[in-house]
Amino acid sequence: MEPRISIITLGVTDLDRSTRFYRDGLGFPVHEAGSASITFFLLTNMMLSLYPRDALADDAVPSQAGGGDFGRHAFTIAHNVASRAEVDAVLEEAVAAGARIIKPAEATFWGGYSGYFADPDGFQWEIATGSGLPIEPSGS
């Protein structure tokens, strides 16, 4: 796994309020890849996304939506890669290093392919491909 973070997603309680805070209050530029259900901000060499907390919990840990480890960590870290095979390989590498798979890799509703692992402290990493976002595996 490359030492790179592509996206940090914050699980927010009020998407509109949080979008206004980052967009209007802090001046973060909104990226057009967002929608009514998720906001993306293009930062320098990475993205910040805002997603409703319950939806993020369901995406990351479907069997524990709103609870379990995710209840302590209301954000995920995304590491984008170039292919489905690379998603699988990075997840295997994480498990070999001591991570726990919390959602096996699968096709996503947004047209990509992703899976999640938790590090030894329970922090959630999404390994994904096919996002269509401007954050490429090279980190650019």
Protein backbone atom coordinates (compact mmCIF):
# COMPACT_ATOMS: atom_id res chain seq x y z
CA MET A 1 0.00 0.00 0.00
CA GLU A 2 1.38 3.38 -0.96
CA PRO A 3 1.73 5.87 1.91
CA ARG A 4 -1.02 8.11 0.54
CA ILE A 5 -4.47 9.31 1.59
CA SER A 6 -6.87 10.22 -1.24
CA ILE A 7 -9.99 11.26 0.66
CA ILE A 8 -11.02 11.83 4.24
CA THR A 9 -14.79 11.52 4.67
CA LEU A 10 -16.41 13.09 7.72
CA GLY A 11 -19.68 11.58 8.90
CA VAL A 12 -21.76 14.69 9.57
CA THR A 13 -25.11 15.11 11.29
CA ASP A 14 -26.37 17.92 9.00
CA LEU A 15 -24.94 17.84 5.47
CA ASP A 16 -26.28 21.27 4.46
CA ARG A 17 -24.94 22.98 7.59
CA SER A 18 -21.53 21.32 7.27
CA THR A 19 -21.33 22.13 3.54
CA ARG A 20 -22.06 25.80 4.27
CA PHE A 21 -19.42 25.81 7.03
CA TYR A 22 -16.62 24.49 4.81
CA ARG A 23 -17.75 26.23 1.60
CA ASP A 24 -18.93 29.62 2.86
CA GLY A 25 -17.13 29.88 6.17
CA LEU A 26 -13.73 28.44 5.27
CA GLY A 27 -13.77 29.00 1.51
CA PHE A 28 -13.18 25.37 0.51
CA PRO A 29 -13.97 24.90 -3.22
CA VAL A 30 -16.82 22.46 -3.86
CA HIS A 31 -16.09 19.82 -6.51
CA GLU A 32 -18.78 18.99 -9.08
CA ALA A 33 -18.59 15.25 -8.28
CA GLY A 34 -20.82 15.87 -5.26
CA SER A 35 -24.58 15.55 -5.13
CA ALA A 36 -27.49 16.20 -2.79
CA SER A 37 -26.26 13.30 -0.65
CA ILE A 38 -22.48 13.99 -0.52
CA THR A 39 -20.23 17.04 -0.79
CA PHE A 40 -16.65 16.91 -2.08
CA PHE A 41 -14.07 19.65 -1.59
CA LEU A 42 -10.94 19.57 -3.73
CA LEU A 43 -7.98 20.35 -1.51
CA THR A 44 -4.29 20.34 -2.35
CA ASN A 45 -3.52 16.76 -3.51
CA MET A 46 -6.54 15.22 -1.76
CA MET A 47 -10.26 15.61 -1.16
CA LEU A 48 -12.43 16.14 1.88
CA SER A 49 -15.94 14.76 1.66
CA LEU A 50 -18.98 15.24 3.85
CA TYR A 51 -21.53 12.44 4.02
CA PRO A 52 -24.42 11.88 6.42
CA ARG A 53 -23.13 9.98 9.44
CA ASP A 54 -25.75 7.21 9.27
CA ALA A 55 -25.15 6.64 5.55
CA LEU A 56 -21.37 6.52 6.10
CA ALA A 57 -21.78 4.04 8.94
CA ASP A 58 -23.98 1.87 6.74
CA ASP A 59 -21.47 2.02 3.88
CA ALA A 60 -18.46 1.24 6.05
CA VAL A 61 -19.94 -1.24 8.51
CA PRO A 62 -23.36 -2.44 7.29
CA SER A 63 -23.86 -4.85 10.18
CA GLN A 64 -23.05 -2.16 12.75
CA ALA A 65 -24.64 0.96 11.24
CA GLY A 66 -24.44 3.75 13.77
CA GLY A 67 -22.56 1.65 16.34
CA GLY A 68 -19.59 -0.58 16.94
CA ASP A 69 -16.18 0.84 16.10
CA PHE A 70 -17.74 3.36 13.75
CA GLY A 71 -19.57 5.01 16.65
CA ARG A 72 -16.18 6.12 18.00
CA HIS A 73 -14.73 7.18 14.66
CA ALA A 74 -17.19 9.18 12.58
CA PHE A 75 -14.91 9.39 9.57
CA THR A 76 -13.23 7.17 7.03
CA ILE A 77 -9.96 7.44 5.18
CA ALA A 78 -9.98 6.55 1.48
CA HIS A 79 -7.03 5.16 -0.45
CA ASN A 80 -7.79 5.09 -4.18
CA VAL A 81 -6.02 2.60 -6.43
CA ALA A 82 -6.00 1.87 -10.15
CA SER A 83 -7.87 -1.46 -10.38
CA ARG A 84 -10.11 -4.00 -8.68
CA ALA A 85 -7.16 -6.39 -8.41
CA GLU A 86 -5.22 -3.70 -6.58
CA VAL A 87 -8.15 -3.14 -4.17
CA ASP A 88 -8.07 -6.85 -3.33
CA ALA A 89 -4.27 -6.87 -2.99
CA VAL A 90 -4.19 -3.87 -0.65
CA LEU A 91 -6.91 -5.40 1.53
CA GLU A 92 -4.89 -8.64 1.73
CA GLU A 93 -1.77 -6.65 2.60
CA ALA A 94 -3.65 -4.84 5.37
CA VAL A 95 -4.91 -8.12 6.85
CA ALA A 96 -1.37 -9.56 6.78
CA ALA A 97 -0.25 -6.47 8.71
CA GLY A 98 -2.90 -7.01 11.40
CA ALA A 99 -5.97 -5.18 10.05
CA ARG A 100 -9.50 -6.56 10.25
CA ILE A 101 -11.73 -6.60 7.17
CA ILE A 102 -14.99 -4.90 8.06
CA LYS A 103 -16.50 -4.91 4.57
CA PRO A 104 -15.15 -7.19 1.85
CA ALA A 105 -14.52 -5.58 -1.52
CA GLU A 106 -17.55 -5.43 -3.78
CA ALA A 107 -19.12 -3.41 -6.60
CA THR A 108 -20.54 -0.14 -5.25
CA PHE A 109 -23.75 1.76 -5.92
CA TRP A 110 -21.65 4.60 -7.41
CA GLY A 111 -20.07 2.38 -10.06
CA GLY A 112 -16.76 1.65 -8.37
CA TYR A 113 -15.34 -1.23 -6.35
CA SER A 114 -14.31 -0.92 -2.72
CA GLY A 115 -13.81 -2.63 0.60
CA TYR A 116 -13.01 -1.48 4.13
CA PHE A 117 -10.55 -2.52 6.78
CA ALA A 118 -10.07 -1.34 10.35
CA ASP A 119 -6.59 -0.70 11.69
CA PRO A 120 -5.64 -1.97 15.18
CA ASP A 121 -7.31 1.09 16.77
CA GLY A 122 -10.51 0.71 14.74
CA PHE A 123 -9.90 3.54 12.25
CA GLN A 124 -11.73 2.75 9.01
CA TRP A 125 -9.88 2.71 5.67
CA GLU A 126 -11.76 2.39 2.38
CA ILE A 127 -9.73 0.96 -0.49
CA ALA A 128 -11.45 1.94 -3.74
CA THR A 129 -11.18 2.17 -7.49
CA GLY A 130 -13.38 3.70 -10.15
CA SER A 131 -14.43 6.79 -8.22
CA GLY A 132 -14.12 9.17 -11.19
CA LEU A 133 -12.71 11.78 -8.80
CA PRO A 134 -9.62 13.81 -9.67
CA ILE A 135 -7.54 12.12 -6.97
CA GLU A 136 -5.51 9.58 -8.85
CA PRO A 137 -3.51 6.70 -7.36
CA SER A 138 -0.35 8.73 -7.99
CA GLY A 139 -1.64 11.27 -5.45
CA SER A 140 -2.14 14.05 -8.00
